[in-house]
Amino acid sequence: MEIKVLGPGCLKCEQTEKNVKEAVQESGLNVKIEKVTDVMEIAKYGVLGTPAVVVEGEVKCVGKIPDKDEIMTWIKK
């Protein structure tokens, strides 16, 4: 499984990345986490607001910090 955290590096983006890492660690699953900061790469997902989270190529969250429980629902499917 692959999760991408999209964002330029603002505080909200950093918190989102932290929440994703904690949720993945708690899940015990083998997940590759990638931080995408390139604006052109972010735009390819049709995302205009950050932070955003992409799970297996599907945009799950845009413009807000997801909590660990919400992230768990995405990765346990």
C-alpha atoms as a PDB file:
ATOM      1  CA  MET A   1       0.000   0.000   0.000  1.00  0.00           C
ATOM      2  CA  GLU A   2       1.146   3.521  -0.742  1.00  0.00           C
ATOM      3  CA  ILE A   3       0.079   6.749   0.955  1.00  0.00           C
ATOM      4  CA  LYS A   4       1.114  10.188  -0.258  1.00  0.00           C
ATOM      5  CA  VAL A   5       0.889  13.287   1.894  1.00  0.00           C
ATOM      6  CA  LEU A   6       0.592  16.319  -0.374  1.00  0.00           C
ATOM      7  CA  GLY A   7       1.701  19.710   0.868  1.00  0.00           C
ATOM      8  CA  PRO A   8       4.464  22.300   0.682  1.00  0.00           C
ATOM      9  CA  GLY A   9       5.634  21.792   4.251  1.00  0.00           C
ATOM     10  CA  CYS A  10       3.349  24.028   6.297  1.00  0.00           C
ATOM     11  CA  LEU A  11       2.468  23.166   9.897  1.00  0.00           C
ATOM     12  CA  LYS A  12      -0.824  21.532   8.847  1.00  0.00           C
ATOM     13  CA  CYS A  13       1.038  19.396   6.300  1.00  0.00           C
ATOM     14  CA  GLU A  14       3.595  18.334   8.894  1.00  0.00           C
ATOM     15  CA  GLN A  15       0.837  17.387  11.358  1.00  0.00           C
ATOM     16  CA  THR A  16      -0.940  15.402   8.647  1.00  0.00           C
ATOM     17  CA  GLU A  17       2.252  13.490   7.866  1.00  0.00           C
ATOM     18  CA  LYS A  18       2.758  12.789  11.579  1.00  0.00           C
ATOM     19  CA  ASN A  19      -0.809  11.488  11.945  1.00  0.00           C
ATOM     20  CA  VAL A  20      -0.398   9.244   8.895  1.00  0.00           C
ATOM     21  CA  LYS A  21       2.862   7.798  10.224  1.00  0.00           C
ATOM     22  CA  GLU A  22       1.341   7.143  13.654  1.00  0.00           C
ATOM     23  CA  ALA A  23      -1.746   5.461  12.166  1.00  0.00           C
ATOM     24  CA  VAL A  24       0.401   3.261   9.924  1.00  0.00           C
ATOM     25  CA  GLN A  25       2.643   2.298  12.830  1.00  0.00           C
ATOM     26  CA  GLU A  26      -0.365   1.397  14.979  1.00  0.00           C
ATOM     27  CA  SER A  27      -1.923  -0.632  12.149  1.00  0.00           C
ATOM     28  CA  GLY A  28       1.150  -2.824  11.785  1.00  0.00           C
ATOM     29  CA  LEU A  29       0.663  -2.837   8.009  1.00  0.00           C
ATOM     30  CA  ASN A  30       3.449  -2.515   5.456  1.00  0.00           C
ATOM     31  CA  VAL A  31       2.758   0.917   3.979  1.00  0.00           C
ATOM     32  CA  LYS A  32       5.024   3.162   1.945  1.00  0.00           C
ATOM     33  CA  ILE A  33       4.562   6.810   2.939  1.00  0.00           C
ATOM     34  CA  GLU A  34       5.726   9.523   0.578  1.00  0.00           C
ATOM     35  CA  LYS A  35       5.718  13.293   1.185  1.00  0.00           C
ATOM     36  CA  VAL A  36       5.020  15.262  -2.005  1.00  0.00           C
ATOM     37  CA  THR A  37       5.988  18.937  -1.862  1.00  0.00           C
ATOM     38  CA  ASP A  38       6.268  19.750  -5.594  1.00  0.00           C
ATOM     39  CA  VAL A  39       3.328  21.999  -6.513  1.00  0.00           C
ATOM     40  CA  MET A  40       3.144  20.609 -10.060  1.00  0.00           C
ATOM     41  CA  GLU A  41       3.022  17.034  -8.739  1.00  0.00           C
ATOM     42  CA  ILE A  42       0.312  17.995  -6.239  1.00  0.00           C
ATOM     43  CA  ALA A  43      -1.709  19.618  -9.053  1.00  0.00           C
ATOM     44  CA  LYS A  44      -1.696  16.312 -10.980  1.00  0.00           C
ATOM     45  CA  TYR A  45      -4.069  14.967  -8.329  1.00  0.00           C
ATOM     46  CA  GLY A  46      -6.488  17.854  -8.896  1.00  0.00           C
ATOM     47  CA  VAL A  47      -5.773  19.115  -5.402  1.00  0.00           C
ATOM     48  CA  LEU A  48      -6.005  22.869  -4.927  1.00  0.00           C
ATOM     49  CA  GLY A  49      -5.811  22.978  -1.129  1.00  0.00           C
ATOM     50  CA  THR A  50      -3.350  21.338   1.192  1.00  0.00           C
ATOM     51  CA  PRO A  51      -2.756  19.273   3.145  1.00  0.00           C
ATOM     52  CA  ALA A  52      -4.122  16.347   1.170  1.00  0.00           C
ATOM     53  CA  VAL A  53      -3.803  12.588   1.573  1.00  0.00           C
ATOM     54  CA  VAL A  54      -3.774  10.098  -1.314  1.00  0.00           C
ATOM     55  CA  VAL A  55      -4.205   6.392  -0.589  1.00  0.00           C
ATOM     56  CA  GLU A  56      -3.473   3.976  -3.441  1.00  0.00           C
ATOM     57  CA  GLY A  57      -3.950   6.795  -5.967  1.00  0.00           C
ATOM     58  CA  GLU A  58      -7.297   7.952  -4.521  1.00  0.00           C
ATOM     59  CA  VAL A  59      -7.554  11.389  -2.915  1.00  0.00           C
ATOM     60  CA  LYS A  60      -9.070  10.826   0.533  1.00  0.00           C
ATOM     61  CA  CYS A  61      -8.730  14.211   2.215  1.00  0.00           C
ATOM     62  CA  VAL A  62      -8.151  17.806   1.082  1.00  0.00           C
ATOM     63  CA  GLY A  63      -7.636  20.999   3.061  1.00  0.00           C
ATOM     64  CA  LYS A  64      -7.819  19.556   6.566  1.00  0.00           C
ATOM     65  CA  ILE A  65      -5.792  17.507   9.004  1.00  0.00           C
ATOM     66  CA  PRO A  66      -7.243  13.992   9.228  1.00  0.00           C
ATOM     67  CA  ASP A  67      -7.112  12.351  12.643  1.00  0.00           C
ATOM     68  CA  LYS A  68      -5.631   8.895  13.186  1.00  0.00           C
ATOM     69  CA  ASP A  69      -9.047   7.210  13.391  1.00  0.00           C
ATOM     70  CA  GLU A  70     -10.038   8.584   9.992  1.00  0.00           C
ATOM     71  CA  ILE A  71      -6.723   7.484   8.478  1.00  0.00           C
ATOM     72  CA  MET A  72      -7.215   3.988   9.952  1.00  0.00           C
ATOM     73  CA  THR A  73     -10.487   3.634   8.039  1.00  0.00           C
ATOM     74  CA  TRP A  74      -8.624   4.295   4.796  1.00  0.00           C
ATOM     75  CA  ILE A  75      -5.816   1.808   5.353  1.00  0.00           C
ATOM     76  CA  LYS A  76      -7.793  -1.070   6.836  1.00  0.00           C
ATOM     77  CA  LYS A  77      -9.925  -1.674   3.742  1.00  0.00           C
END
